[in-house]
Each structure stands twice: as structure tokens, then as C-alpha cells.
Amino acid sequence: MSAPEPPEAREPPGGYRVIVIAWLRRPAQRFILPNWLAITIRGWIFAWRALDEVELAHELTHVRQWREHGFVGYIRSYMAESARAKREGGDRYWDNKFEVEARAAEDVVRAKQHG
């Protein structure tokens, strides 16, 4: 099963690959987040089902972030951002600037779909 093509402006240089592994759903929803759908590591997007355009835009933002920060830099920056969010009374995931940016990419695609 292939993922929908991303909007051209969101396609990162070097490409990406969506890898669908259905059995990831239960363990990831138990140990990562209850509503977990996908995780991006560099240019690989691991998901338990095919992603729609909105979901793909979110994950492609993470692909770009990985490329901008580098492997160690992304992990360090993401974790520091989660700690900052919690320290400021927010949620480690929802208030993490990496996730805020990815949700903004979702909004752009939604607006195009309904515009």
C-alpha cells in the first residue's frame, strides 16, 4: 500500500519512505502515545496504517526537521524542547515546538483541501 503523494512544497530533498507495519499499533499506543499513528526517524516514516495527506504533511515536517538538525541534533533538540514545554507547565508532546510546527503543516493541507 503506498502513501498519497505529498504537496510539492513539502517534499524534502533526498526523499522519504513510508513503512507501514500494522502490528506496531498496539505496542506503540501502549508505550508511546494512546493515539499514536506514526513516528519519523530521519527519512523513514513508520506507521501502523497508510497515512492520508494531512497526516503525511505532519510526518514530512519531521523528515525536514531531522535533515535540518542532523541525527544527534534532532534528538537532543526534540528532547530539550519537550523538557522546556513541561518546565513551563505545558505538555511534553503537544507544546513541543517540533510538534506545533508539524500540526501547522497539517493545517496548511486542510486549508487547501477545503479552500
C-alpha atoms as a PDB file:
ATOM      1  CA  MET A   1       0.000   0.000   0.000  1.00  0.00           C
ATOM      2  CA  SER A   2       1.542   3.334  -0.968  1.00  0.00           C
ATOM      3  CA  ALA A   3       1.062   6.671   0.711  1.00  0.00           C
ATOM      4  CA  PRO A   4      -0.505   9.614  -1.106  1.00  0.00           C
ATOM      5  CA  GLU A   5       1.921  11.937  -2.846  1.00  0.00           C
ATOM      6  CA  PRO A   6       2.809  14.917  -0.650  1.00  0.00           C
ATOM      7  CA  PRO A   7       2.266  18.507  -1.728  1.00  0.00           C
ATOM      8  CA  GLU A   8       5.327  19.543  -3.787  1.00  0.00           C
ATOM      9  CA  ALA A   9       6.303  22.329  -1.386  1.00  0.00           C
ATOM     10  CA  ARG A  10       6.518  19.833   1.480  1.00  0.00           C
ATOM     11  CA  GLU A  11       8.623  17.190  -0.255  1.00  0.00           C
ATOM     12  CA  PRO A  12      12.014  17.211   1.478  1.00  0.00           C
ATOM     13  CA  PRO A  13      15.221  16.968  -0.514  1.00  0.00           C
ATOM     14  CA  GLY A  14      16.551  13.424  -0.531  1.00  0.00           C
ATOM     15  CA  GLY A  15      13.114  11.861  -0.334  1.00  0.00           C
ATOM     16  CA  TYR A  16      11.403   9.815   2.310  1.00  0.00           C
ATOM     17  CA  ARG A  17       9.861   6.386   2.722  1.00  0.00           C
ATOM     18  CA  VAL A  18       6.619   5.430   4.468  1.00  0.00           C
ATOM     19  CA  ILE A  19       6.835   1.970   6.021  1.00  0.00           C
ATOM     20  CA  VAL A  20       3.502   0.535   7.137  1.00  0.00           C
ATOM     21  CA  ILE A  21       3.718  -2.137   9.834  1.00  0.00           C
ATOM     22  CA  ALA A  22       0.250  -2.932  11.172  1.00  0.00           C
ATOM     23  CA  TRP A  23       1.415  -4.734  14.327  1.00  0.00           C
ATOM     24  CA  LEU A  24       3.131  -1.553  15.591  1.00  0.00           C
ATOM     25  CA  ARG A  25      -0.238  -0.111  16.597  1.00  0.00           C
ATOM     26  CA  ARG A  26      -0.782  -1.863  19.920  1.00  0.00           C
ATOM     27  CA  PRO A  27       2.720  -1.644  21.423  1.00  0.00           C
ATOM     28  CA  ALA A  28       3.231   1.947  20.287  1.00  0.00           C
ATOM     29  CA  GLN A  29      -0.172   3.085  21.547  1.00  0.00           C
ATOM     30  CA  ARG A  30       0.606   1.447  24.869  1.00  0.00           C
ATOM     31  CA  PHE A  31       4.177   2.692  25.321  1.00  0.00           C
ATOM     32  CA  ILE A  32       4.390   5.911  23.259  1.00  0.00           C
ATOM     33  CA  LEU A  33       1.013   7.677  22.988  1.00  0.00           C
ATOM     34  CA  PRO A  34      -2.545   6.310  23.123  1.00  0.00           C
ATOM     35  CA  ASN A  35      -3.393   7.918  19.769  1.00  0.00           C
ATOM     36  CA  TRP A  36      -0.053   7.068  18.135  1.00  0.00           C
ATOM     37  CA  LEU A  37      -0.142   6.724  14.368  1.00  0.00           C
ATOM     38  CA  ALA A  38       3.397   7.206  13.097  1.00  0.00           C
ATOM     39  CA  ILE A  39       6.956   8.029  14.051  1.00  0.00           C
ATOM     40  CA  THR A  40       9.596   9.545  11.820  1.00  0.00           C
ATOM     41  CA  ILE A  41      13.256   8.668  12.085  1.00  0.00           C
ATOM     42  CA  ARG A  42      15.311  10.609   9.564  1.00  0.00           C
ATOM     43  CA  GLY A  43      13.673   9.900   6.184  1.00  0.00           C
ATOM     44  CA  TRP A  44      11.729   6.841   7.322  1.00  0.00           C
ATOM     45  CA  ILE A  45       8.132   7.243   8.438  1.00  0.00           C
ATOM     46  CA  PHE A  46       6.913   4.189  10.355  1.00  0.00           C
ATOM     47  CA  ALA A  47       3.129   3.929  10.616  1.00  0.00           C
ATOM     48  CA  TRP A  48       0.632   1.237  11.532  1.00  0.00           C
ATOM     49  CA  ARG A  49      -1.585   2.155   8.567  1.00  0.00           C
ATOM     50  CA  ALA A  50      -1.397   4.217   5.381  1.00  0.00           C
ATOM     51  CA  LEU A  51      -1.362   7.966   6.010  1.00  0.00           C
ATOM     52  CA  ASP A  52      -3.693  10.496   4.465  1.00  0.00           C
ATOM     53  CA  GLU A  53      -2.381  13.792   3.039  1.00  0.00           C
ATOM     54  CA  VAL A  54      -2.818  15.674   6.316  1.00  0.00           C
ATOM     55  CA  GLU A  55      -1.025  13.019   8.363  1.00  0.00           C
ATOM     56  CA  LEU A  56       1.725  12.774   5.754  1.00  0.00           C
ATOM     57  CA  ALA A  57       2.276  16.550   5.875  1.00  0.00           C
ATOM     58  CA  HIS A  58       2.817  16.247   9.639  1.00  0.00           C
ATOM     59  CA  GLU A  59       5.380  13.485   9.244  1.00  0.00           C
ATOM     60  CA  LEU A  60       7.133  15.199   6.329  1.00  0.00           C
ATOM     61  CA  THR A  61       7.688  18.184   8.596  1.00  0.00           C
ATOM     62  CA  HIS A  62       9.562  15.840  10.916  1.00  0.00           C
ATOM     63  CA  VAL A  63      11.600  14.492   7.962  1.00  0.00           C
ATOM     64  CA  ARG A  64      12.650  18.071   7.200  1.00  0.00           C
ATOM     65  CA  GLN A  65      13.399  18.760  10.873  1.00  0.00           C
ATOM     66  CA  TRP A  66      15.620  15.667  11.047  1.00  0.00           C
ATOM     67  CA  ARG A  67      17.528  16.891   7.997  1.00  0.00           C
ATOM     68  CA  GLU A  68      17.907  20.425   9.344  1.00  0.00           C
ATOM     69  CA  HIS A  69      19.148  19.366  12.785  1.00  0.00           C
ATOM     70  CA  GLY A  70      21.050  16.174  11.948  1.00  0.00           C
ATOM     71  CA  PHE A  71      20.663  12.847  13.702  1.00  0.00           C
ATOM     72  CA  VAL A  72      22.069  13.714  17.132  1.00  0.00           C
ATOM     73  CA  GLY A  73      20.992  17.348  16.912  1.00  0.00           C
ATOM     74  CA  TYR A  74      17.354  16.434  16.246  1.00  0.00           C
ATOM     75  CA  ILE A  75      17.141  14.019  19.153  1.00  0.00           C
ATOM     76  CA  ARG A  76      18.864  16.458  21.515  1.00  0.00           C
ATOM     77  CA  SER A  77      16.741  19.412  20.348  1.00  0.00           C
ATOM     78  CA  TYR A  78      13.460  17.486  20.445  1.00  0.00           C
ATOM     79  CA  MET A  79      14.128  16.224  23.979  1.00  0.00           C
ATOM     80  CA  ALA A  80      15.218  19.689  25.156  1.00  0.00           C
ATOM     81  CA  GLU A  81      12.055  21.161  23.670  1.00  0.00           C
ATOM     82  CA  SER A  82       9.914  18.561  25.469  1.00  0.00           C
ATOM     83  CA  ALA A  83      11.675  19.417  28.748  1.00  0.00           C
ATOM     84  CA  ARG A  84      11.119  23.146  28.130  1.00  0.00           C
ATOM     85  CA  ALA A  85       7.424  22.588  27.469  1.00  0.00           C
ATOM     86  CA  LYS A  86       6.999  20.618  30.683  1.00  0.00           C
ATOM     87  CA  ARG A  87       9.070  23.092  32.712  1.00  0.00           C
ATOM     88  CA  GLU A  88       6.772  25.888  31.504  1.00  0.00           C
ATOM     89  CA  GLY A  89       3.685  23.945  32.584  1.00  0.00           C
ATOM     90  CA  GLY A  90       2.803  22.577  29.154  1.00  0.00           C
ATOM     91  CA  ASP A  91       2.615  19.128  27.679  1.00  0.00           C
ATOM     92  CA  ARG A  92       5.863  17.459  26.518  1.00  0.00           C
ATOM     93  CA  TYR A  93       4.286  16.452  23.200  1.00  0.00           C
ATOM     94  CA  TRP A  94       1.536  18.948  22.369  1.00  0.00           C
ATOM     95  CA  ASP A  95       3.558  22.013  23.373  1.00  0.00           C
ATOM     96  CA  ASN A  96       6.838  20.849  21.831  1.00  0.00           C
ATOM     97  CA  LYS A  97       7.716  23.350  19.050  1.00  0.00           C
ATOM     98  CA  PHE A  98       8.574  20.481  16.671  1.00  0.00           C
ATOM     99  CA  GLU A  99       5.030  19.125  17.049  1.00  0.00           C
ATOM    100  CA  VAL A 100       3.469  22.600  16.870  1.00  0.00           C
ATOM    101  CA  GLU A 101       5.234  23.127  13.537  1.00  0.00           C
ATOM    102  CA  ALA A 102       4.095  19.713  12.265  1.00  0.00           C
ATOM    103  CA  ARG A 103       0.480  20.470  13.215  1.00  0.00           C
ATOM    104  CA  ALA A 104       0.755  23.789  11.366  1.00  0.00           C
ATOM    105  CA  ALA A 105       1.731  21.813   8.241  1.00  0.00           C
ATOM    106  CA  GLU A 106      -1.439  19.759   8.737  1.00  0.00           C
ATOM    107  CA  ASP A 107      -3.477  22.964   8.835  1.00  0.00           C
ATOM    108  CA  VAL A 108      -1.985  24.127   5.510  1.00  0.00           C
ATOM    109  CA  VAL A 109      -3.053  20.898   3.794  1.00  0.00           C
ATOM    110  CA  ARG A 110      -6.521  21.011   5.397  1.00  0.00           C
ATOM    111  CA  ALA A 111      -6.980  24.591   4.177  1.00  0.00           C
ATOM    112  CA  LYS A 112      -6.031  23.581   0.637  1.00  0.00           C
ATOM    113  CA  GLN A 113      -8.473  20.676   0.771  1.00  0.00           C
ATOM    114  CA  HIS A 114     -11.331  22.933   1.873  1.00  0.00           C
ATOM    115  CA  GLY A 115     -10.270  26.075   0.042  1.00  0.00           C
END
